[in-house]
């Protein structure tokens, strides 16, 4: 697994990745319903603060967004 700094993605690629992430089945935003724009903004803020990271799974050849703590745990177990 490789952590990809969000700053290395083009704005369009980052937008598309975050939109795909927030519209996935099973993504939970609590009791209040937020618009797509609000959800994207929340995730981008988390990426900017370092609370979330973009990870690339080399075995599956997929990208995902996860918490920084989860990514750190994964990289320590590899």
PDB file of N, CA and C in Angstrom:
ATOM      1  N   UNK A   1       0.848  -1.176   0.000  1.00  0.00           N
ATOM      2  CA  UNK A   1       0.000   0.000   0.000  1.00  0.00           C
ATOM      3  C   UNK A   1       0.889   1.232   0.000  1.00  0.00           C
ATOM      4  N   UNK A   2       0.510   2.186  -0.812  1.00  0.00           N
ATOM      5  CA  UNK A   2       1.249   3.435  -0.938  1.00  0.00           C
ATOM      6  C   UNK A   2       0.319   4.585  -0.573  1.00  0.00           C
ATOM      7  N   UNK A   3       0.804   5.504   0.257  1.00  0.00           N
ATOM      8  CA  UNK A   3       0.042   6.716   0.563  1.00  0.00           C
ATOM      9  C   UNK A   3       0.389   7.760  -0.490  1.00  0.00           C
ATOM     10  N   UNK A   4      -0.643   8.314  -1.113  1.00  0.00           N
ATOM     11  CA  UNK A   4      -0.457   9.316  -2.154  1.00  0.00           C
ATOM     12  C   UNK A   4      -0.872  10.675  -1.590  1.00  0.00           C
ATOM     13  N   UNK A   5       0.053  11.621  -1.500  1.00  0.00           N
ATOM     14  CA  UNK A   5      -0.325  12.959  -1.021  1.00  0.00           C
ATOM     15  C   UNK A   5      -1.392  13.571  -1.933  1.00  0.00           C
ATOM     16  N   UNK A   6      -2.449  14.101  -1.333  1.00  0.00           N
ATOM     17  CA  UNK A   6      -3.549  14.640  -2.135  1.00  0.00           C
ATOM     18  C   UNK A   6      -3.099  15.806  -3.010  1.00  0.00           C
ATOM     19  N   UNK A   7      -2.036  16.490  -2.616  1.00  0.00           N
ATOM     20  CA  UNK A   7      -1.534  17.624  -3.389  1.00  0.00           C
ATOM     21  C   UNK A   7      -0.933  17.180  -4.725  1.00  0.00           C
ATOM     22  N   UNK A   8      -0.603  15.905  -4.843  1.00  0.00           N
ATOM     23  CA  UNK A   8      -0.004  15.404  -6.085  1.00  0.00           C
ATOM     24  C   UNK A   8      -1.043  15.117  -7.166  1.00  0.00           C
ATOM     25  N   UNK A   9      -2.310  15.108  -6.794  1.00  0.00           N
ATOM     26  CA  UNK A   9      -3.373  14.890  -7.776  1.00  0.00           C
ATOM     27  C   UNK A   9      -3.804  16.225  -8.371  1.00  0.00           C
ATOM     28  N   UNK A  10      -4.223  16.188  -9.610  1.00  0.00           N
ATOM     29  CA  UNK A  10      -4.786  17.399 -10.209  1.00  0.00           C
ATOM     30  C   UNK A  10      -6.106  17.696  -9.495  1.00  0.00           C
ATOM     31  N   UNK A  11      -6.542  18.954  -9.507  1.00  0.00           N
ATOM     32  CA  UNK A  11      -7.834  19.270  -8.873  1.00  0.00           C
ATOM     33  C   UNK A  11      -8.980  18.415  -9.402  1.00  0.00           C
ATOM     34  N   UNK A  12      -9.004  18.161 -10.715  1.00  0.00           N
ATOM     35  CA  UNK A  12     -10.077  17.353 -11.296  1.00  0.00           C
ATOM     36  C   UNK A  12     -10.009  15.905 -10.819  1.00  0.00           C
ATOM     37  N   UNK A  13      -8.796  15.345 -10.752  1.00  0.00           N
ATOM     38  CA  UNK A  13      -8.643  13.961 -10.296  1.00  0.00           C
ATOM     39  C   UNK A  13      -9.025  13.837  -8.824  1.00  0.00           C
ATOM     40  N   UNK A  14      -8.628  14.810  -8.017  1.00  0.00           N
ATOM     41  CA  UNK A  14      -8.978  14.783  -6.594  1.00  0.00           C
ATOM     42  C   UNK A  14     -10.496  14.876  -6.429  1.00  0.00           C
ATOM     43  N   UNK A  15     -11.117  15.776  -7.155  1.00  0.00           N
ATOM     44  CA  UNK A  15     -12.579  15.934  -7.084  1.00  0.00           C
ATOM     45  C   UNK A  15     -13.275  14.626  -7.445  1.00  0.00           C
ATOM     46  N   UNK A  16     -12.851  13.995  -8.529  1.00  0.00           N
ATOM     47  CA  UNK A  16     -13.472  12.746  -8.974  1.00  0.00           C
ATOM     48  C   UNK A  16     -13.278  11.635  -7.943  1.00  0.00           C
ATOM     49  N   UNK A  17     -12.086  11.530  -7.379  1.00  0.00           N
ATOM     50  CA  UNK A  17     -11.807  10.502  -6.377  1.00  0.00           C
ATOM     51  C   UNK A  17     -12.663  10.713  -5.139  1.00  0.00           C
ATOM     52  N   UNK A  18     -12.739  11.939  -4.655  1.00  0.00           N
ATOM     53  CA  UNK A  18     -13.521  12.222  -3.447  1.00  0.00           C
ATOM     54  C   UNK A  18     -15.012  12.017  -3.720  1.00  0.00           C
ATOM     55  N   UNK A  19     -15.491  12.448  -4.866  1.00  0.00           N
ATOM     56  CA  UNK A  19     -16.912  12.233  -5.200  1.00  0.00           C
ATOM     57  C   UNK A  19     -17.235  10.747  -5.250  1.00  0.00           C
ATOM     58  N   UNK A  20     -16.368   9.962  -5.867  1.00  0.00           N
ATOM     59  CA  UNK A  20     -16.597   8.511  -5.931  1.00  0.00           C
ATOM     60  C   UNK A  20     -16.613   7.932  -4.520  1.00  0.00           C
ATOM     61  N   UNK A  21     -15.718   8.389  -3.676  1.00  0.00           N
ATOM     62  CA  UNK A  21     -15.633   7.895  -2.302  1.00  0.00           C
ATOM     63  C   UNK A  21     -16.904   8.218  -1.518  1.00  0.00           C
ATOM     64  N   UNK A  22     -17.366   9.453  -1.579  1.00  0.00           N
ATOM     65  CA  UNK A  22     -18.518   9.842  -0.757  1.00  0.00           C
ATOM     66  C   UNK A  22     -19.838   9.284  -1.267  1.00  0.00           C
ATOM     67  N   UNK A  23     -19.871   8.841  -2.512  1.00  0.00           N
ATOM     68  CA  UNK A  23     -21.121   8.282  -3.038  1.00  0.00           C
ATOM     69  C   UNK A  23     -21.161   6.761  -2.962  1.00  0.00           C
ATOM     70  N   UNK A  24     -20.119   6.149  -2.438  1.00  0.00           N
ATOM     71  CA  UNK A  24     -20.106   4.689  -2.293  1.00  0.00           C
ATOM     72  C   UNK A  24     -21.170   4.229  -1.316  1.00  0.00           C
ATOM     73  N   UNK A  25     -21.695   3.086  -1.565  1.00  0.00           N
ATOM     74  CA  UNK A  25     -22.630   2.460  -0.638  1.00  0.00           C
ATOM     75  C   UNK A  25     -21.911   2.178   0.674  1.00  0.00           C
ATOM     76  N   UNK A  26     -22.555   2.508   1.775  1.00  0.00           N
ATOM     77  CA  UNK A  26     -21.971   2.213   3.078  1.00  0.00           C
ATOM     78  C   UNK A  26     -21.215   3.370   3.696  1.00  0.00           C
ATOM     79  N   UNK A  27     -21.052   4.483   2.982  1.00  0.00           N
ATOM     80  CA  UNK A  27     -20.393   5.649   3.560  1.00  0.00           C
ATOM     81  C   UNK A  27     -21.390   6.336   4.473  1.00  0.00           C
ATOM     82  N   UNK A  28     -21.010   6.529   5.737  1.00  0.00           N
ATOM     83  CA  UNK A  28     -21.928   7.043   6.745  1.00  0.00           C
ATOM     84  C   UNK A  28     -21.515   8.436   7.186  1.00  0.00           C
ATOM     85  N   UNK A  29     -22.466   9.354   7.177  1.00  0.00           N
ATOM     86  CA  UNK A  29     -22.215  10.723   7.612  1.00  0.00           C
ATOM     87  C   UNK A  29     -23.061  11.091   8.820  1.00  0.00           C
ATOM     88  N   UNK A  30     -23.470  10.103   9.588  1.00  0.00           N
ATOM     89  CA  UNK A  30     -24.227  10.376  10.799  1.00  0.00           C
ATOM     90  C   UNK A  30     -25.707  10.567  10.532  1.00  0.00           C
ATOM     91  N   UNK A  31     -26.373  11.197  11.490  1.00  0.00           N
ATOM     92  CA  UNK A  31     -27.823  11.356  11.428  1.00  0.00           C
ATOM     93  C   UNK A  31     -28.281  12.428  10.455  1.00  0.00           C
ATOM     94  N   UNK A  32     -27.428  13.424  10.189  1.00  0.00           N
ATOM     95  CA  UNK A  32     -27.860  14.494   9.291  1.00  0.00           C
ATOM     96  C   UNK A  32     -27.423  14.182   7.862  1.00  0.00           C
ATOM     97  N   UNK A  33     -28.317  14.463   6.947  1.00  0.00           N
ATOM     98  CA  UNK A  33     -28.026  14.226   5.532  1.00  0.00           C
ATOM     99  C   UNK A  33     -27.304  15.459   4.988  1.00  0.00           C
ATOM    100  N   UNK A  34     -26.208  15.241   4.299  1.00  0.00           N
ATOM    101  CA  UNK A  34     -25.431  16.333   3.725  1.00  0.00           C
ATOM    102  C   UNK A  34     -25.472  16.223   2.208  1.00  0.00           C
ATOM    103  N   UNK A  35     -25.340  17.370   1.552  1.00  0.00           N
ATOM    104  CA  UNK A  35     -25.319  17.368   0.087  1.00  0.00           C
ATOM    105  C   UNK A  35     -23.985  16.797  -0.392  1.00  0.00           C
ATOM    106  N   UNK A  36     -23.939  16.438  -1.658  1.00  0.00           N
ATOM    107  CA  UNK A  36     -22.701  15.923  -2.242  1.00  0.00           C
ATOM    108  C   UNK A  36     -21.576  16.946  -2.069  1.00  0.00           C
ATOM    109  N   UNK A  37     -21.871  18.206  -2.307  1.00  0.00           N
ATOM    110  CA  UNK A  37     -20.861  19.260  -2.171  1.00  0.00           C
ATOM    111  C   UNK A  37     -20.335  19.324  -0.743  1.00  0.00           C
ATOM    112  N   UNK A  38     -21.234  19.244   0.239  1.00  0.00           N
ATOM    113  CA  UNK A  38     -20.813  19.286   1.642  1.00  0.00           C
ATOM    114  C   UNK A  38     -19.959  18.073   1.998  1.00  0.00           C
ATOM    115  N   UNK A  39     -20.350  16.907   1.513  1.00  0.00           N
ATOM    116  CA  UNK A  39     -19.580  15.693   1.794  1.00  0.00           C
ATOM    117  C   UNK A  39     -18.181  15.783   1.191  1.00  0.00           C
ATOM    118  N   UNK A  40     -18.101  16.258  -0.044  1.00  0.00           N
ATOM    119  CA  UNK A  40     -16.801  16.410  -0.703  1.00  0.00           C
ATOM    120  C   UNK A  40     -15.944  17.395   0.079  1.00  0.00           C
ATOM    121  N   UNK A  41     -16.515  18.516   0.482  1.00  0.00           N
ATOM    122  CA  UNK A  41     -15.766  19.519   1.240  1.00  0.00           C
ATOM    123  C   UNK A  41     -15.259  18.949   2.562  1.00  0.00           C
ATOM    124  N   UNK A  42     -16.079  18.143   3.237  1.00  0.00           N
ATOM    125  CA  UNK A  42     -15.655  17.519   4.498  1.00  0.00           C
ATOM    126  C   UNK A  42     -14.446  16.624   4.286  1.00  0.00           C
ATOM    127  N   UNK A  43     -14.478  15.810   3.254  1.00  0.00           N
ATOM    128  CA  UNK A  43     -13.374  14.884   2.996  1.00  0.00           C
ATOM    129  C   UNK A  43     -12.117  15.650   2.583  1.00  0.00           C
ATOM    130  N   UNK A  44     -12.265  16.663   1.742  1.00  0.00           N
ATOM    131  CA  UNK A  44     -11.103  17.462   1.329  1.00  0.00           C
ATOM    132  C   UNK A  44     -10.475  18.131   2.554  1.00  0.00           C
ATOM    133  N   UNK A  45     -11.291  18.660   3.456  1.00  0.00           N
ATOM    134  CA  UNK A  45     -10.746  19.267   4.687  1.00  0.00           C
ATOM    135  C   UNK A  45      -9.980  18.237   5.509  1.00  0.00           C
ATOM    136  N   UNK A  46     -10.525  17.015   5.594  1.00  0.00           N
ATOM    137  CA  UNK A  46      -9.827  15.957   6.334  1.00  0.00           C
ATOM    138  C   UNK A  46      -8.498  15.610   5.681  1.00  0.00           C
ATOM    139  N   UNK A  47      -8.454  15.602   4.355  1.00  0.00           N
ATOM    140  CA  UNK A  47      -7.196  15.348   3.646  1.00  0.00           C
ATOM    141  C   UNK A  47      -6.202  16.474   3.916  1.00  0.00           C
ATOM    142  N   UNK A  48      -6.671  17.718   3.874  1.00  0.00           N
ATOM    143  CA  UNK A  48      -5.798  18.869   4.098  1.00  0.00           C
ATOM    144  C   UNK A  48      -5.242  18.889   5.519  1.00  0.00           C
ATOM    145  N   UNK A  49      -6.039  18.454   6.491  1.00  0.00           N
ATOM    146  CA  UNK A  49      -5.606  18.429   7.893  1.00  0.00           C
ATOM    147  C   UNK A  49      -4.750  17.208   8.221  1.00  0.00           C
ATOM    148  N   UNK A  50      -4.678  16.255   7.306  1.00  0.00           N
ATOM    149  CA  UNK A  50      -3.927  15.034   7.564  1.00  0.00           C
ATOM    150  C   UNK A  50      -4.701  13.999   8.352  1.00  0.00           C
ATOM    151  N   UNK A  51      -5.997  14.218   8.535  1.00  0.00           N
ATOM    152  CA  UNK A  51      -6.841  13.260   9.254  1.00  0.00           C
ATOM    153  C   UNK A  51      -7.204  12.078   8.366  1.00  0.00           C
ATOM    154  N   UNK A  52      -7.221  12.306   7.054  1.00  0.00           N
ATOM    155  CA  UNK A  52      -7.508  11.266   6.073  1.00  0.00           C
ATOM    156  C   UNK A  52      -6.392  11.273   5.038  1.00  0.00           C
ATOM    157  N   UNK A  53      -6.203  10.136   4.393  1.00  0.00           N
ATOM    158  CA  UNK A  53      -5.172  10.015   3.364  1.00  0.00           C
ATOM    159  C   UNK A  53      -5.700   9.200   2.197  1.00  0.00           C
ATOM    160  N   UNK A  54      -5.066   9.393   1.054  1.00  0.00           N
ATOM    161  CA  UNK A  54      -5.374   8.604  -0.133  1.00  0.00           C
ATOM    162  C   UNK A  54      -4.375   7.457  -0.173  1.00  0.00           C
ATOM    163  N   UNK A  55      -4.882   6.237  -0.316  1.00  0.00           N
ATOM    164  CA  UNK A  55      -4.003   5.077  -0.368  1.00  0.00           C
ATOM    165  C   UNK A  55      -4.217   4.329  -1.675  1.00  0.00           C
ATOM    166  N   UNK A  56      -3.120   3.800  -2.197  1.00  0.00           N
ATOM    167  CA  UNK A  56      -3.169   2.992  -3.406  1.00  0.00           C
ATOM    168  C   UNK A  56      -2.752   1.587  -3.031  1.00  0.00           C
ATOM    169  N   UNK A  57      -3.623   0.649  -3.279  1.00  0.00           N
ATOM    170  CA  UNK A  57      -3.353  -0.761  -2.992  1.00  0.00           C
ATOM    171  C   UNK A  57      -2.709  -1.362  -4.233  1.00  0.00           C
ATOM    172  N   UNK A  58      -1.427  -1.668  -4.140  1.00  0.00           N
ATOM    173  CA  UNK A  58      -0.694  -2.179  -5.298  1.00  0.00           C
ATOM    174  C   UNK A  58      -1.166  -3.562  -5.714  1.00  0.00           C
ATOM    175  N   UNK A  59      -1.622  -4.365  -4.780  1.00  0.00           N
ATOM    176  CA  UNK A  59      -2.091  -5.715  -5.111  1.00  0.00           C
ATOM    177  C   UNK A  59      -3.418  -5.660  -5.870  1.00  0.00           C
ATOM    178  N   UNK A  60      -4.316  -4.813  -5.420  1.00  0.00           N
ATOM    179  CA  UNK A  60      -5.645  -4.716  -6.043  1.00  0.00           C
ATOM    180  C   UNK A  60      -5.703  -3.643  -7.135  1.00  0.00           C
ATOM    181  N   UNK A  61      -4.669  -2.795  -7.188  1.00  0.00           N
ATOM    182  CA  UNK A  61      -4.615  -1.681  -8.130  1.00  0.00           C
ATOM    183  C   UNK A  61      -5.833  -0.777  -7.994  1.00  0.00           C
ATOM    184  N   UNK A  62      -6.124  -0.405  -6.732  1.00  0.00           N
ATOM    185  CA  UNK A  62      -7.250   0.467  -6.439  1.00  0.00           C
ATOM    186  C   UNK A  62      -6.809   1.601  -5.524  1.00  0.00           C
ATOM    187  N   UNK A  63      -7.555   2.696  -5.605  1.00  0.00           N
ATOM    188  CA  UNK A  63      -7.338   3.849  -4.729  1.00  0.00           C
ATOM    189  C   UNK A  63      -8.485   3.917  -3.740  1.00  0.00           C
ATOM    190  N   UNK A  64      -8.172   4.396  -2.545  1.00  0.00           N
ATOM    191  CA  UNK A  64      -9.190   4.558  -1.524  1.00  0.00           C
ATOM    192  C   UNK A  64      -8.808   5.736  -0.650  1.00  0.00           C
ATOM    193  N   UNK A  65      -9.760   6.212   0.131  1.00  0.00           N
ATOM    194  CA  UNK A  65      -9.502   7.237   1.131  1.00  0.00           C
ATOM    195  C   UNK A  65      -9.808   6.593   2.470  1.00  0.00           C
ATOM    196  N   UNK A  66      -8.899   6.774   3.410  1.00  0.00           N
ATOM    197  CA  UNK A  66      -9.066   6.181   4.721  1.00  0.00           C
ATOM    198  C   UNK A  66      -8.524   7.145   5.774  1.00  0.00           C
ATOM    199  N   UNK A  67      -8.775   6.839   7.027  1.00  0.00           N
ATOM    200  CA  UNK A  67      -8.221   7.693   8.070  1.00  0.00           C
ATOM    201  C   UNK A  67      -6.712   7.508   8.120  1.00  0.00           C
ATOM    202  N   UNK A  68      -6.035   8.524   8.579  1.00  0.00           N
ATOM    203  CA  UNK A  68      -4.578   8.441   8.692  1.00  0.00           C
ATOM    204  C   UNK A  68      -4.184   7.328   9.660  1.00  0.00           C
ATOM    205  N   UNK A  69      -4.959   7.150  10.725  1.00  0.00           N
ATOM    206  CA  UNK A  69      -4.654   6.100  11.706  1.00  0.00           C
ATOM    207  C   UNK A  69      -4.773   4.716  11.083  1.00  0.00           C
ATOM    208  N   UNK A  70      -5.804   4.495  10.288  1.00  0.00           N
ATOM    209  CA  UNK A  70      -5.965   3.191   9.627  1.00  0.00           C
ATOM    210  C   UNK A  70      -4.825   2.942   8.641  1.00  0.00           C
ATOM    211  N   UNK A  71      -4.446   3.956   7.891  1.00  0.00           N
ATOM    212  CA  UNK A  71      -3.362   3.805   6.928  1.00  0.00           C
ATOM    213  C   UNK A  71      -2.056   3.488   7.636  1.00  0.00           C
ATOM    214  N   UNK A  72      -1.817   4.140   8.757  1.00  0.00           N
ATOM    215  CA  UNK A  72      -0.594   3.889   9.514  1.00  0.00           C
ATOM    216  C   UNK A  72      -0.577   2.455  10.043  1.00  0.00           C
ATOM    217  N   UNK A  73      -1.713   1.976  10.504  1.00  0.00           N
ATOM    218  CA  UNK A  73      -1.797   0.610  11.005  1.00  0.00           C
ATOM    219  C   UNK A  73      -1.527  -0.389   9.874  1.00  0.00           C
ATOM    220  N   UNK A  74      -2.069  -0.131   8.690  1.00  0.00           N
ATOM    221  CA  UNK A  74      -1.851  -1.002   7.543  1.00  0.00           C
ATOM    222  C   UNK A  74      -0.378  -1.038   7.145  1.00  0.00           C
ATOM    223  N   UNK A  75       0.261   0.123   7.111  1.00  0.00           N
ATOM    224  CA  UNK A  75       1.659   0.173   6.676  1.00  0.00           C
ATOM    225  C   UNK A  75       2.579  -0.476   7.687  1.00  0.00           C
ATOM    226  N   UNK A  76       2.218  -0.475   8.959  1.00  0.00           N
ATOM    227  CA  UNK A  76       3.022  -1.127   9.975  1.00  0.00           C
ATOM    228  C   UNK A  76       2.866  -2.655   9.935  1.00  0.00           C
ATOM    229  N   UNK A  77       1.739  -3.122   9.393  1.00  0.00           N
ATOM    230  CA  UNK A  77       1.489  -4.570   9.308  1.00  0.00           C
ATOM    231  C   UNK A  77       2.022  -5.185   8.026  1.00  0.00           C
ATOM    232  N   UNK A  78       2.388  -4.355   7.036  1.00  0.00           N
ATOM    233  CA  UNK A  78       2.905  -4.885   5.760  1.00  0.00           C
ATOM    234  C   UNK A  78       4.333  -5.355   5.899  1.00  0.00           C
TER     235      UNK A  78
END
